[in-house]
Amino acid sequence: MTRDGPVIAHERRLHVVQGEFAVSDDPDVVLNTILGSCVAACMRDPLAGVGGMNHFLLPGGRQDGQAAAKPIGAEPEAVRYGVQSMELLLNALYRMGARRERLEVKLFGGARVVEGLSDIGMHNAAFAETFLASEGIRHIGGSLRGEQARRVQFWPVSGRVRQMAVADSGRTVFEAERGRPAKTPAMQGAVELF
């Protein structure tokens, strides 16, 4: 028994950090992440028995520290990170037999965890919702926005999700998210867009 509940002996836990994604068709796999202002999309195709999770943060603001003229996340360069994260997850699911018309998605995160800073979480959440709507992918639930960081566990085959509030969500979670820079999308090779 752990603080998060009973652990099944054969359960395999995989942690998904900012800028990464994971997919699986193994019913014993649990995908885990901790979210503050970042967003995670938990996607699955119930018929194919495959699912996955990503974890992304749109970069925002100007590099020189001055206030941006546009809202955070509105710049095409910033949106590129979210689009790539979603497309990588989708393509990995398609390679495992998932079909767009059967996908179910639950979105988590997008919190405003540090008062006084711009609300990047709101922009991350809005991007994810807009992306799913424009791609015609079913958004069936989740937990977005608010002021509380979350720990999310996702069983990709069954679609089960467990969300737990992180007690000290302030600067601790913010620093953990920012401690590892987002991966720059590669601009080489073939890119499949939907």
Protein backbone atom coordinates (compact mmCIF):
# COMPACT_ATOMS: atom_id res chain seq x y z
CA MET A 1 0.00 0.00 0.00
CA THR A 2 1.32 3.43 -0.93
CA ARG A 3 0.07 6.91 -0.23
CA ASP A 4 -1.65 6.82 -3.64
CA GLY A 5 -3.45 3.54 -2.92
CA PRO A 6 -2.73 -0.13 -3.37
CA VAL A 7 -0.02 -1.12 -5.83
CA ILE A 8 -0.71 -4.17 -7.95
CA ALA A 9 2.45 -6.31 -8.07
CA HIS A 10 2.52 -6.54 -11.85
CA GLU A 11 1.67 -2.88 -12.51
CA ARG A 12 4.35 -0.97 -14.47
CA ARG A 13 4.51 2.78 -13.84
CA LEU A 14 5.94 5.12 -16.47
CA HIS A 15 6.50 8.79 -15.69
CA VAL A 16 5.80 11.31 -18.47
CA VAL A 17 7.66 14.59 -17.99
CA GLN A 18 7.34 17.92 -19.77
CA GLY A 19 7.98 17.62 -23.50
CA GLU A 20 7.48 13.85 -23.59
CA PHE A 21 4.73 11.36 -24.42
CA ALA A 22 4.15 7.63 -23.95
CA VAL A 23 1.77 5.09 -25.50
CA SER A 24 0.94 1.52 -24.53
CA ASP A 25 -1.35 -1.39 -25.24
CA ASP A 26 -0.27 -3.16 -22.03
CA PRO A 27 -3.11 -3.31 -19.47
CA ASP A 28 -0.53 -3.35 -16.65
CA VAL A 29 1.00 0.03 -17.59
CA VAL A 30 0.12 3.18 -15.66
CA LEU A 31 1.24 6.53 -17.06
CA ASN A 32 2.00 9.14 -14.38
CA THR A 33 2.70 12.86 -14.42
CA ILE A 34 2.60 15.93 -12.19
CA LEU A 35 1.02 19.04 -13.66
CA GLY A 36 0.92 22.67 -12.68
CA SER A 37 0.43 25.03 -15.62
CA CYS A 38 1.36 22.27 -18.09
CA VAL A 39 -1.37 20.19 -19.75
CA ALA A 40 -1.53 16.44 -20.30
CA ALA A 41 -3.81 14.84 -22.87
CA CYS A 42 -4.83 11.29 -21.94
CA MET A 43 -6.00 9.66 -25.18
CA ARG A 44 -7.23 6.18 -25.95
CA ASP A 45 -8.98 4.09 -28.54
CA PRO A 46 -11.17 1.66 -26.57
CA LEU A 47 -11.65 -0.71 -29.50
CA ALA A 48 -7.94 -0.98 -30.37
CA GLY A 49 -7.05 -1.23 -26.66
CA VAL A 50 -4.32 1.39 -26.89
CA GLY A 51 -3.79 4.74 -25.21
CA GLY A 52 -1.23 7.35 -24.34
CA MET A 53 -0.39 10.57 -22.54
CA ASN A 54 1.60 13.68 -23.41
CA HIS A 55 2.79 16.56 -21.21
CA PHE A 56 3.35 19.99 -22.73
CA LEU A 57 3.85 23.63 -21.88
CA LEU A 58 3.52 26.43 -24.41
CA PRO A 59 6.39 28.87 -24.07
CA GLY A 60 5.18 32.41 -23.60
CA GLY A 61 6.19 36.01 -23.33
CA ARG A 62 9.20 37.72 -24.87
CA GLN A 63 12.73 36.53 -24.21
CA ASP A 64 13.84 40.00 -23.04
CA GLY A 65 11.43 39.92 -20.10
CA GLN A 66 9.27 42.74 -21.45
CA ALA A 67 5.52 42.32 -21.59
CA ALA A 68 4.37 40.65 -24.77
CA ALA A 69 1.99 42.51 -27.05
CA LYS A 70 0.03 39.30 -27.67
CA PRO A 71 -1.39 36.98 -25.02
CA ILE A 72 0.92 34.17 -23.95
CA GLY A 73 0.60 31.19 -26.22
CA ALA A 74 -0.84 33.24 -29.10
CA GLU A 75 2.45 33.39 -31.00
CA PRO A 76 2.73 30.80 -33.81
CA GLU A 77 6.15 29.77 -32.46
CA ALA A 78 4.63 28.99 -29.05
CA VAL A 79 1.70 27.01 -30.47
CA ARG A 80 4.16 24.88 -32.44
CA TYR A 81 5.17 23.10 -29.20
CA GLY A 82 1.60 22.13 -28.40
CA VAL A 83 0.83 21.05 -31.95
CA GLN A 84 3.91 18.86 -32.09
CA SER A 85 3.15 17.26 -28.73
CA MET A 86 -0.39 16.42 -29.82
CA GLU A 87 0.68 15.19 -33.27
CA LEU A 88 3.45 12.95 -31.85
CA LEU A 89 0.98 11.33 -29.48
CA LEU A 90 -1.67 10.91 -32.19
CA ASN A 91 0.78 9.42 -34.70
CA ALA A 92 2.12 6.94 -32.13
CA LEU A 93 -1.45 5.84 -31.35
CA TYR A 94 -2.29 5.48 -35.05
CA ARG A 95 0.80 3.29 -35.55
CA MET A 96 -0.59 1.00 -32.83
CA GLY A 97 -3.99 0.68 -34.52
CA ALA A 98 -5.98 3.59 -33.08
CA ARG A 99 -8.49 5.39 -35.30
CA ARG A 100 -9.27 9.10 -35.03
CA GLU A 101 -13.05 8.59 -34.96
CA ARG A 102 -12.79 6.28 -31.92
CA LEU A 103 -10.40 8.38 -29.83
CA GLU A 104 -11.46 9.61 -26.41
CA VAL A 105 -9.47 12.36 -24.70
CA LYS A 106 -9.35 13.61 -21.15
CA LEU A 107 -7.39 16.82 -20.50
CA PHE A 108 -5.71 17.72 -17.20
CA GLY A 109 -3.65 20.63 -15.85
CA GLY A 110 -3.51 24.23 -16.96
CA ALA A 111 -3.55 25.60 -13.41
CA ARG A 112 -2.39 29.01 -12.29
CA VAL A 113 0.00 27.82 -9.61
CA VAL A 114 1.99 30.99 -8.95
CA GLU A 115 0.11 34.18 -8.16
CA GLY A 116 1.45 37.31 -9.79
CA LEU A 117 2.76 35.62 -12.93
CA SER A 118 0.92 35.50 -16.22
CA ASP A 119 -1.68 32.77 -16.51
CA ILE A 120 0.16 30.43 -18.89
CA GLY A 121 -1.99 27.53 -17.62
CA MET A 122 -5.12 29.13 -19.05
CA HIS A 123 -3.45 29.41 -22.47
CA ASN A 124 -2.22 25.80 -22.35
CA ALA A 125 -5.73 24.59 -21.50
CA ALA A 126 -7.35 26.73 -24.21
CA PHE A 127 -4.87 25.49 -26.79
CA ALA A 128 -5.61 21.83 -25.97
CA GLU A 129 -9.39 22.34 -26.13
CA THR A 130 -9.13 24.26 -29.41
CA PHE A 131 -6.82 21.65 -30.94
CA LEU A 132 -9.22 18.79 -30.16
CA ALA A 133 -12.24 20.73 -31.46
CA SER A 134 -10.49 21.71 -34.70
CA GLU A 135 -9.31 18.11 -35.25
CA GLY A 136 -12.74 16.63 -34.51
CA ILE A 137 -11.43 14.50 -31.63
CA ARG A 138 -13.82 13.79 -28.73
CA HIS A 139 -12.97 15.58 -25.47
CA ILE A 140 -14.84 13.52 -22.88
CA GLY A 141 -13.64 15.05 -19.63
CA GLY A 142 -10.75 15.79 -17.33
CA SER A 143 -9.86 18.70 -15.08
CA LEU A 144 -8.45 21.96 -16.46
CA ARG A 145 -7.54 25.34 -14.96
CA GLY A 146 -7.95 26.28 -11.33
CA GLU A 147 -5.14 27.02 -8.87
CA GLN A 148 -4.17 23.52 -7.77
CA ALA A 149 -1.38 21.37 -9.17
CA ARG A 150 -2.32 17.76 -9.88
CA ARG A 151 -0.77 14.31 -9.93
CA VAL A 152 -2.41 12.29 -12.71
CA GLN A 153 -2.32 8.53 -13.22
CA PHE A 154 -3.71 7.12 -16.47
CA TRP A 155 -4.30 3.49 -17.36
CA PRO A 156 -4.13 3.77 -21.17
CA VAL A 157 -5.91 0.53 -22.04
CA SER A 158 -8.92 0.91 -19.72
CA GLY A 159 -9.09 4.71 -19.82
CA ARG A 160 -9.21 4.92 -16.03
CA VAL A 161 -7.74 8.13 -14.60
CA ARG A 162 -6.89 9.04 -11.02
CA GLN A 163 -6.22 12.67 -10.15
CA MET A 164 -4.81 13.78 -6.81
CA ALA A 165 -4.24 17.34 -5.65
CA VAL A 166 -0.64 18.24 -4.89
CA ALA A 167 -0.55 19.78 -1.43
CA ASP A 168 2.22 22.35 -2.00
CA SER A 169 1.36 23.53 -5.47
CA GLY A 170 2.95 26.96 -5.34
CA ARG A 171 6.51 27.63 -6.32
CA THR A 172 7.66 24.02 -5.73
CA VAL A 173 5.64 22.57 -8.64
CA PHE A 174 6.34 25.63 -10.79
CA GLU A 175 10.09 25.17 -10.30
CA ALA A 176 9.85 21.42 -11.00
CA GLU A 177 8.06 22.12 -14.31
CA ARG A 178 10.51 24.83 -15.31
CA GLY A 179 13.56 22.84 -14.19
CA ARG A 180 13.61 20.94 -17.45
CA PRO A 181 13.26 23.01 -20.62
CA ALA A 182 10.68 21.99 -23.19
CA LYS A 183 12.13 20.03 -26.08
CA THR A 184 12.41 21.96 -29.32
CA PRO A 185 10.39 20.26 -32.05
CA ALA A 186 12.63 18.71 -34.65
CA MET A 187 12.35 20.24 -38.09
CA GLN A 188 13.80 17.36 -40.04
CA GLY A 189 12.24 14.43 -41.86
CA ALA A 190 8.64 13.88 -42.81
CA VAL A 191 5.87 15.55 -40.86
CA GLU A 192 2.33 14.27 -41.02
CA LEU A 193 -0.32 16.85 -40.16
CA PHE A 194 -4.00 16.22 -39.67
